[in-house]
Amino acid sequence: MGKIDIATKQYMSHKNIIADAFNFYVYDGVQIIKPEKLQKIDTAEFMMPYGNDAKAAVQKIRDNLMIWESVTDGNAVYVVLGTENQDKIHYAMAVKNMLYDALQYAKQVEEAKRSYRDRSKKNKGAAIKLSSEEFLSGFRKEDKLMPVVTLVIYFGDKSWDGAKSVHDMFCVNDEQILKYVPDYKINLIEPIKVSDSEYEKFKTDLGSVLQFIKHQSDDDGRWI
């Protein structure tokens, strides 16, 4: 991991910075996500091996991952917020994020399965009853997943010329085929595409950092 990667990962690990980034991107700068309602969670994800040379599960470490607790209609609602920090363009970002998000959903299903198994061991006389269909997945019909939202923060002054969705990466343009292939789009904050007036919607110095990046290559250096 390079020095820039370490610096951006550390900077983006602060709750107020995470909240600011998502409030800007999701809520147009309105302060809906409160830093005190964020809790850091384990960023490690595991990928099962595949292919002829695969021998063991591969561990993937996300840059930052937090759970946001909000209240909707008087009930607590939880959303997983993740950030991926890029100082260079990643031409397979859509696949990378899709994998991370899928692994997080799989982890939630596995945790539900484990919780039922553990509760059954502790309360042998009151074991959790699962139907045959529920037993197959370890996930009950009424169980729900926490949504996962991954936001890419691009710390570069060039225009992101990479694919912004899985469909953009395909060599097939047949719409009849593509409508049966689920797409996966990346959420991206791209400094050069944010107007100077929009930077006022940030409430932390993240806005100043990204605006500086946007203008650092200006020919006359006037903004700096």
C-alpha atoms as a PDB file:
ATOM      1  CA  MET A   1       0.000   0.000   0.000  1.00  0.00           C
ATOM      2  CA  GLY A   2       1.473   3.346  -1.079  1.00  0.00           C
ATOM      3  CA  LYS A   3       1.762   6.503   0.968  1.00  0.00           C
ATOM      4  CA  ILE A   4      -1.178   8.127  -0.818  1.00  0.00           C
ATOM      5  CA  ASP A   5      -3.367   5.066  -0.168  1.00  0.00           C
ATOM      6  CA  ILE A   6      -2.483   5.081   3.525  1.00  0.00           C
ATOM      7  CA  ALA A   7      -3.117   8.828   3.835  1.00  0.00           C
ATOM      8  CA  THR A   8      -6.498   8.770   2.080  1.00  0.00           C
ATOM      9  CA  LYS A   9      -7.624   5.669   3.980  1.00  0.00           C
ATOM     10  CA  GLN A  10      -6.725   7.290   7.309  1.00  0.00           C
ATOM     11  CA  TYR A  11      -8.356  10.595   6.328  1.00  0.00           C
ATOM     12  CA  MET A  12     -11.563   8.916   5.161  1.00  0.00           C
ATOM     13  CA  SER A  13     -11.775   6.801   8.322  1.00  0.00           C
ATOM     14  CA  HIS A  14     -13.140   9.737  10.348  1.00  0.00           C
ATOM     15  CA  LYS A  15     -16.877   9.548  10.954  1.00  0.00           C
ATOM     16  CA  ASN A  16     -17.508  13.216  10.174  1.00  0.00           C
ATOM     17  CA  ILE A  17     -15.727  12.881   6.823  1.00  0.00           C
ATOM     18  CA  ILE A  18     -17.676   9.732   5.900  1.00  0.00           C
ATOM     19  CA  ALA A  19     -20.950  11.416   6.881  1.00  0.00           C
ATOM     20  CA  ASP A  20     -20.045  14.523   4.871  1.00  0.00           C
ATOM     21  CA  ALA A  21     -19.236  12.514   1.730  1.00  0.00           C
ATOM     22  CA  PHE A  22     -22.489  10.565   1.814  1.00  0.00           C
ATOM     23  CA  ASN A  23     -24.594  13.595   2.724  1.00  0.00           C
ATOM     24  CA  PHE A  24     -23.142  15.403  -0.292  1.00  0.00           C
ATOM     25  CA  TYR A  25     -23.643  12.517  -2.690  1.00  0.00           C
ATOM     26  CA  VAL A  26     -26.938  11.052  -1.454  1.00  0.00           C
ATOM     27  CA  TYR A  27     -28.723  13.999   0.160  1.00  0.00           C
ATOM     28  CA  ASP A  28     -27.346  16.941  -1.865  1.00  0.00           C
ATOM     29  CA  GLY A  29     -25.540  18.335   1.177  1.00  0.00           C
ATOM     30  CA  VAL A  30     -28.441  18.114   3.643  1.00  0.00           C
ATOM     31  CA  GLN A  31     -27.109  16.833   6.969  1.00  0.00           C
ATOM     32  CA  ILE A  32     -29.157  13.638   7.250  1.00  0.00           C
ATOM     33  CA  ILE A  33     -26.375  11.252   8.250  1.00  0.00           C
ATOM     34  CA  LYS A  34     -24.992  12.192  11.667  1.00  0.00           C
ATOM     35  CA  PRO A  35     -21.417  11.180  12.567  1.00  0.00           C
ATOM     36  CA  GLU A  36     -22.504  10.044  16.027  1.00  0.00           C
ATOM     37  CA  LYS A  37     -24.856   7.536  14.383  1.00  0.00           C
ATOM     38  CA  LEU A  38     -22.007   5.787  12.586  1.00  0.00           C
ATOM     39  CA  GLN A  39     -20.187   2.755  13.919  1.00  0.00           C
ATOM     40  CA  LYS A  40     -17.058   1.263  12.384  1.00  0.00           C
ATOM     41  CA  ILE A  41     -17.239  -2.423  11.479  1.00  0.00           C
ATOM     42  CA  ASP A  42     -14.774  -5.024  10.277  1.00  0.00           C
ATOM     43  CA  THR A  43     -13.560  -4.166   6.775  1.00  0.00           C
ATOM     44  CA  ALA A  44     -12.340  -7.683   5.975  1.00  0.00           C
ATOM     45  CA  GLU A  45     -14.259  -9.618   3.328  1.00  0.00           C
ATOM     46  CA  PHE A  46     -13.536 -13.168   2.228  1.00  0.00           C
ATOM     47  CA  MET A  47     -13.731 -14.491  -1.332  1.00  0.00           C
ATOM     48  CA  MET A  48     -14.017 -18.202  -1.933  1.00  0.00           C
ATOM     49  CA  PRO A  49     -11.444 -19.620  -4.363  1.00  0.00           C
ATOM     50  CA  TYR A  50     -12.206 -20.464  -7.950  1.00  0.00           C
ATOM     51  CA  GLY A  51     -10.205 -21.570 -10.979  1.00  0.00           C
ATOM     52  CA  ASN A  52      -7.634 -24.334 -11.393  1.00  0.00           C
ATOM     53  CA  ASP A  53      -4.950 -22.625  -9.332  1.00  0.00           C
ATOM     54  CA  ALA A  54      -7.163 -21.639  -6.393  1.00  0.00           C
ATOM     55  CA  LYS A  55      -6.069 -23.196  -3.116  1.00  0.00           C
ATOM     56  CA  ALA A  56      -7.487 -21.054  -0.327  1.00  0.00           C
ATOM     57  CA  ALA A  57      -9.994 -18.325   0.346  1.00  0.00           C
ATOM     58  CA  VAL A  58      -8.761 -14.832  -0.461  1.00  0.00           C
ATOM     59  CA  GLN A  59      -9.160 -12.029   2.038  1.00  0.00           C
ATOM     60  CA  LYS A  60     -10.169  -8.623   0.703  1.00  0.00           C
ATOM     61  CA  ILE A  61      -9.886  -5.513   2.860  1.00  0.00           C
ATOM     62  CA  ARG A  62     -12.239  -2.649   2.145  1.00  0.00           C
ATOM     63  CA  ASP A  63     -11.002   0.903   2.688  1.00  0.00           C
ATOM     64  CA  ASN A  64     -13.706   1.971   5.136  1.00  0.00           C
ATOM     65  CA  LEU A  65     -16.931   0.373   6.297  1.00  0.00           C
ATOM     66  CA  MET A  66     -19.488   1.708   8.788  1.00  0.00           C
ATOM     67  CA  ILE A  67     -23.041   1.018   9.902  1.00  0.00           C
ATOM     68  CA  TRP A  68     -25.389   3.982   9.939  1.00  0.00           C
ATOM     69  CA  GLU A  69     -28.310   3.860  12.341  1.00  0.00           C
ATOM     70  CA  SER A  70     -31.250   5.998  11.274  1.00  0.00           C
ATOM     71  CA  VAL A  71     -34.831   6.152  12.465  1.00  0.00           C
ATOM     72  CA  THR A  72     -37.736   5.694  10.058  1.00  0.00           C
ATOM     73  CA  ASP A  73     -41.332   5.774  11.295  1.00  0.00           C
ATOM     74  CA  GLY A  74     -40.044   5.357  14.826  1.00  0.00           C
ATOM     75  CA  ASN A  75     -38.071   2.213  13.974  1.00  0.00           C
ATOM     76  CA  ALA A  76     -34.301   1.861  13.828  1.00  0.00           C
ATOM     77  CA  VAL A  77     -33.018   1.229  10.319  1.00  0.00           C
ATOM     78  CA  TYR A  78     -29.445   0.183   9.589  1.00  0.00           C
ATOM     79  CA  VAL A  79     -27.472   0.831   6.402  1.00  0.00           C
ATOM     80  CA  VAL A  80     -23.905  -0.270   5.635  1.00  0.00           C
ATOM     81  CA  LEU A  81     -21.822   2.579   4.192  1.00  0.00           C
ATOM     82  CA  GLY A  82     -18.520   1.805   2.503  1.00  0.00           C
ATOM     83  CA  THR A  83     -15.956   3.983   0.779  1.00  0.00           C
ATOM     84  CA  GLU A  84     -13.276   3.080  -1.709  1.00  0.00           C
ATOM     85  CA  ASN A  85     -10.555   5.709  -2.096  1.00  0.00           C
ATOM     86  CA  GLN A  86      -8.840   5.996  -5.469  1.00  0.00           C
ATOM     87  CA  ASP A  87      -5.973   8.307  -6.351  1.00  0.00           C
ATOM     88  CA  LYS A  88      -5.833   6.646  -9.782  1.00  0.00           C
ATOM     89  CA  ILE A  89      -8.555   5.441 -12.133  1.00  0.00           C
ATOM     90  CA  HIS A  90      -9.525   1.798 -11.602  1.00  0.00           C
ATOM     91  CA  TYR A  91     -10.815   0.394 -14.870  1.00  0.00           C
ATOM     92  CA  ALA A  92     -12.579  -2.529 -13.192  1.00  0.00           C
ATOM     93  CA  MET A  93     -14.086  -0.543 -10.307  1.00  0.00           C
ATOM     94  CA  ALA A  94     -17.628  -1.694 -11.074  1.00  0.00           C
ATOM     95  CA  VAL A  95     -16.636  -5.349 -10.700  1.00  0.00           C
ATOM     96  CA  LYS A  96     -14.541  -4.633  -7.605  1.00  0.00           C
ATOM     97  CA  ASN A  97     -17.392  -2.860  -5.829  1.00  0.00           C
ATOM     98  CA  MET A  98     -19.960  -5.404  -6.955  1.00  0.00           C
ATOM     99  CA  LEU A  99     -17.824  -8.152  -5.422  1.00  0.00           C
ATOM    100  CA  TYR A 100     -17.338  -6.265  -2.149  1.00  0.00           C
ATOM    101  CA  ASP A 101     -21.050  -5.558  -1.810  1.00  0.00           C
ATOM    102  CA  ALA A 102     -21.996  -9.146  -2.638  1.00  0.00           C
ATOM    103  CA  LEU A 103     -19.545 -10.437  -0.031  1.00  0.00           C
ATOM    104  CA  GLN A 104     -21.079  -8.099   2.561  1.00  0.00           C
ATOM    105  CA  TYR A 105     -24.573  -9.411   1.795  1.00  0.00           C
ATOM    106  CA  ALA A 106     -23.278 -12.989   1.976  1.00  0.00           C
ATOM    107  CA  LYS A 107     -21.711 -12.180   5.347  1.00  0.00           C
ATOM    108  CA  GLN A 108     -25.052 -10.919   6.659  1.00  0.00           C
ATOM    109  CA  VAL A 109     -26.775 -14.124   5.562  1.00  0.00           C
ATOM    110  CA  GLU A 110     -24.038 -16.220   7.182  1.00  0.00           C
ATOM    111  CA  GLU A 111     -24.280 -14.228  10.422  1.00  0.00           C
ATOM    112  CA  ALA A 112     -28.042 -14.829  10.530  1.00  0.00           C
ATOM    113  CA  LYS A 113     -27.472 -18.538   9.992  1.00  0.00           C
ATOM    114  CA  ARG A 114     -24.837 -18.635  12.714  1.00  0.00           C
ATOM    115  CA  SER A 115     -27.041 -16.744  15.173  1.00  0.00           C
ATOM    116  CA  TYR A 116     -29.858 -19.296  14.817  1.00  0.00           C
ATOM    117  CA  ARG A 117     -27.422 -22.147  15.279  1.00  0.00           C
ATOM    118  CA  ASP A 118     -25.871 -20.565  18.386  1.00  0.00           C
ATOM    119  CA  ARG A 119     -29.260 -19.748  19.926  1.00  0.00           C
ATOM    120  CA  SER A 120     -30.408 -23.320  19.372  1.00  0.00           C
ATOM    121  CA  LYS A 121     -27.309 -24.636  21.188  1.00  0.00           C
ATOM    122  CA  LYS A 122     -27.847 -22.319  24.159  1.00  0.00           C
ATOM    123  CA  ASN A 123     -31.583 -23.021  24.395  1.00  0.00           C
ATOM    124  CA  LYS A 124     -31.910 -26.696  23.583  1.00  0.00           C
ATOM    125  CA  GLY A 125     -35.469 -26.780  24.832  1.00  0.00           C
ATOM    126  CA  ALA A 126     -36.464 -23.802  22.695  1.00  0.00           C
ATOM    127  CA  ALA A 127     -34.574 -24.287  19.458  1.00  0.00           C
ATOM    128  CA  ILE A 128     -35.215 -21.917  16.592  1.00  0.00           C
ATOM    129  CA  LYS A 129     -37.587 -23.699  14.240  1.00  0.00           C
ATOM    130  CA  LEU A 130     -36.840 -23.276  10.552  1.00  0.00           C
ATOM    131  CA  SER A 131     -38.856 -24.592   7.664  1.00  0.00           C
ATOM    132  CA  SER A 132     -37.108 -26.873   5.196  1.00  0.00           C
ATOM    133  CA  GLU A 133     -36.731 -23.925   2.812  1.00  0.00           C
ATOM    134  CA  GLU A 134     -35.367 -21.693   5.569  1.00  0.00           C
ATOM    135  CA  PHE A 135     -32.988 -24.404   6.752  1.00  0.00           C
ATOM    136  CA  LEU A 136     -31.570 -24.638   3.233  1.00  0.00           C
ATOM    137  CA  SER A 137     -30.272 -21.057   3.368  1.00  0.00           C
ATOM    138  CA  GLY A 138     -30.198 -20.472   7.114  1.00  0.00           C
ATOM    139  CA  PHE A 139     -32.226 -17.348   6.393  1.00  0.00           C
ATOM    140  CA  ARG A 140     -35.828 -17.025   7.516  1.00  0.00           C
ATOM    141  CA  LYS A 141     -38.580 -15.713   5.274  1.00  0.00           C
ATOM    142  CA  GLU A 142     -39.047 -12.604   7.446  1.00  0.00           C
ATOM    143  CA  ASP A 143     -35.325 -11.826   7.778  1.00  0.00           C
ATOM    144  CA  LYS A 144     -34.069  -8.664   6.114  1.00  0.00           C
ATOM    145  CA  LEU A 145     -30.673  -7.513   4.900  1.00  0.00           C
ATOM    146  CA  MET A 146     -29.039  -4.176   5.601  1.00  0.00           C
ATOM    147  CA  PRO A 147     -28.570  -2.225   2.356  1.00  0.00           C
ATOM    148  CA  VAL A 148     -24.951  -1.675   1.332  1.00  0.00           C
ATOM    149  CA  VAL A 149     -23.961   1.604  -0.337  1.00  0.00           C
ATOM    150  CA  THR A 150     -20.405   1.930  -1.616  1.00  0.00           C
ATOM    151  CA  LEU A 151     -19.088   5.356  -2.587  1.00  0.00           C
ATOM    152  CA  VAL A 152     -15.893   5.843  -4.583  1.00  0.00           C
ATOM    153  CA  ILE A 153     -13.924   8.955  -3.626  1.00  0.00           C
ATOM    154  CA  TYR A 154     -11.583   9.802  -6.491  1.00  0.00           C
ATOM    155  CA  PHE A 155      -8.566  11.840  -5.378  1.00  0.00           C
ATOM    156  CA  GLY A 156      -7.407  12.648  -8.906  1.00  0.00           C
ATOM    157  CA  ASP A 157      -7.631  15.742 -11.083  1.00  0.00           C
ATOM    158  CA  LYS A 158      -8.192  13.903 -14.357  1.00  0.00           C
ATOM    159  CA  SER A 159     -11.589  13.001 -15.721  1.00  0.00           C
ATOM    160  CA  TRP A 160     -12.614   9.447 -14.753  1.00  0.00           C
ATOM    161  CA  ASP A 161     -12.511   7.750 -18.162  1.00  0.00           C
ATOM    162  CA  GLY A 162     -13.105   4.244 -16.842  1.00  0.00           C
ATOM    163  CA  ALA A 163     -16.334   2.271 -16.912  1.00  0.00           C
ATOM    164  CA  LYS A 164     -18.950   3.440 -14.421  1.00  0.00           C
ATOM    165  CA  SER A 165     -21.044   0.280 -14.608  1.00  0.00           C
ATOM    166  CA  VAL A 166     -20.640  -3.397 -15.378  1.00  0.00           C
ATOM    167  CA  HIS A 167     -22.610  -2.962 -18.610  1.00  0.00           C
ATOM    168  CA  ASP A 168     -20.035  -0.398 -19.732  1.00  0.00           C
ATOM    169  CA  MET A 169     -17.398  -3.136 -19.518  1.00  0.00           C
ATOM    170  CA  PHE A 170     -19.170  -5.640 -21.774  1.00  0.00           C
ATOM    171  CA  CYS A 171     -18.164  -6.310 -25.365  1.00  0.00           C
ATOM    172  CA  VAL A 172     -21.826  -7.014 -26.205  1.00  0.00           C
ATOM    173  CA  ASN A 173     -24.224  -4.245 -27.204  1.00  0.00           C
ATOM    174  CA  ASP A 174     -27.268  -6.416 -27.834  1.00  0.00           C
ATOM    175  CA  GLU A 175     -29.993  -4.755 -25.751  1.00  0.00           C
ATOM    176  CA  GLN A 176     -32.109  -7.901 -25.900  1.00  0.00           C
ATOM    177  CA  ILE A 177     -29.332  -9.803 -24.134  1.00  0.00           C
ATOM    178  CA  LEU A 178     -28.276  -7.001 -21.775  1.00  0.00           C
ATOM    179  CA  LYS A 179     -31.752  -6.513 -20.331  1.00  0.00           C
ATOM    180  CA  TYR A 180     -31.388  -9.972 -18.764  1.00  0.00           C
ATOM    181  CA  VAL A 181     -27.959  -9.181 -17.316  1.00  0.00           C
ATOM    182  CA  PRO A 182     -28.220  -7.176 -14.062  1.00  0.00           C
ATOM    183  CA  ASP A 183     -26.190  -3.990 -14.220  1.00  0.00           C
ATOM    184  CA  TYR A 184     -24.094  -2.621 -11.379  1.00  0.00           C
ATOM    185  CA  LYS A 185     -23.251   1.084 -11.350  1.00  0.00           C
ATOM    186  CA  ILE A 186     -20.595   2.723  -9.216  1.00  0.00           C
ATOM    187  CA  ASN A 187     -21.287   5.758  -7.039  1.00  0.00           C
ATOM    188  CA  LEU A 188     -18.500   8.213  -7.748  1.00  0.00           C
ATOM    189  CA  ILE A 189     -17.392  11.613  -6.480  1.00  0.00           C
ATOM    190  CA  GLU A 190     -15.189  13.010  -9.218  1.00  0.00           C
ATOM    191  CA  PRO A 191     -13.594  16.387  -8.281  1.00  0.00           C
ATOM    192  CA  ILE A 192     -13.365  17.738 -11.818  1.00  0.00           C
ATOM    193  CA  LYS A 193     -17.100  17.119 -12.389  1.00  0.00           C
ATOM    194  CA  VAL A 194     -18.196  19.004  -9.244  1.00  0.00           C
ATOM    195  CA  SER A 195     -18.863  22.694  -9.884  1.00  0.00           C
ATOM    196  CA  ASP A 196     -17.201  25.193  -7.544  1.00  0.00           C
ATOM    197  CA  SER A 197     -20.588  26.297  -6.209  1.00  0.00           C
ATOM    198  CA  GLU A 198     -21.477  22.699  -5.314  1.00  0.00           C
ATOM    199  CA  TYR A 199     -18.406  22.404  -3.084  1.00  0.00           C
ATOM    200  CA  GLU A 200     -20.225  24.662  -0.628  1.00  0.00           C
ATOM    201  CA  LYS A 201     -22.503  21.714   0.156  1.00  0.00           C
ATOM    202  CA  PHE A 202     -19.636  19.988   1.987  1.00  0.00           C
ATOM    203  CA  LYS A 203     -19.515  20.774   5.706  1.00  0.00           C
ATOM    204  CA  THR A 204     -15.984  19.524   6.430  1.00  0.00           C
ATOM    205  CA  ASP A 205     -12.621  20.200   4.809  1.00  0.00           C
ATOM    206  CA  LEU A 206     -13.266  17.258   2.456  1.00  0.00           C
ATOM    207  CA  GLY A 207     -14.812  19.779   0.088  1.00  0.00           C
ATOM    208  CA  SER A 208     -11.700  21.968   0.197  1.00  0.00           C
ATOM    209  CA  VAL A 209      -9.448  18.970  -0.370  1.00  0.00           C
ATOM    210  CA  LEU A 210     -11.388  17.836  -3.434  1.00  0.00           C
ATOM    211  CA  GLN A 211     -11.699  21.380  -4.785  1.00  0.00           C
ATOM    212  CA  PHE A 212      -7.934  21.840  -4.425  1.00  0.00           C
ATOM    213  CA  ILE A 213      -7.407  18.602  -6.356  1.00  0.00           C
ATOM    214  CA  LYS A 214      -9.728  19.866  -9.077  1.00  0.00           C
ATOM    215  CA  HIS A 215      -7.712  23.076  -9.552  1.00  0.00           C
ATOM    216  CA  GLN A 216      -4.179  21.894  -8.790  1.00  0.00           C
ATOM    217  CA  SER A 217      -3.333  21.551 -12.481  1.00  0.00           C
ATOM    218  CA  ASP A 218      -4.811  24.880 -13.586  1.00  0.00           C
ATOM    219  CA  ASP A 219      -2.438  26.590 -15.998  1.00  0.00           C
ATOM    220  CA  ASP A 220      -2.478  29.984 -14.276  1.00  0.00           C
ATOM    221  CA  GLY A 221      -2.868  28.695 -10.716  1.00  0.00           C
ATOM    222  CA  ARG A 222      -5.312  31.521 -10.068  1.00  0.00           C
ATOM    223  CA  TRP A 223      -7.747  29.511  -7.921  1.00  0.00           C
ATOM    224  CA  ILE A 224      -4.989  28.153  -5.698  1.00  0.00           C
END
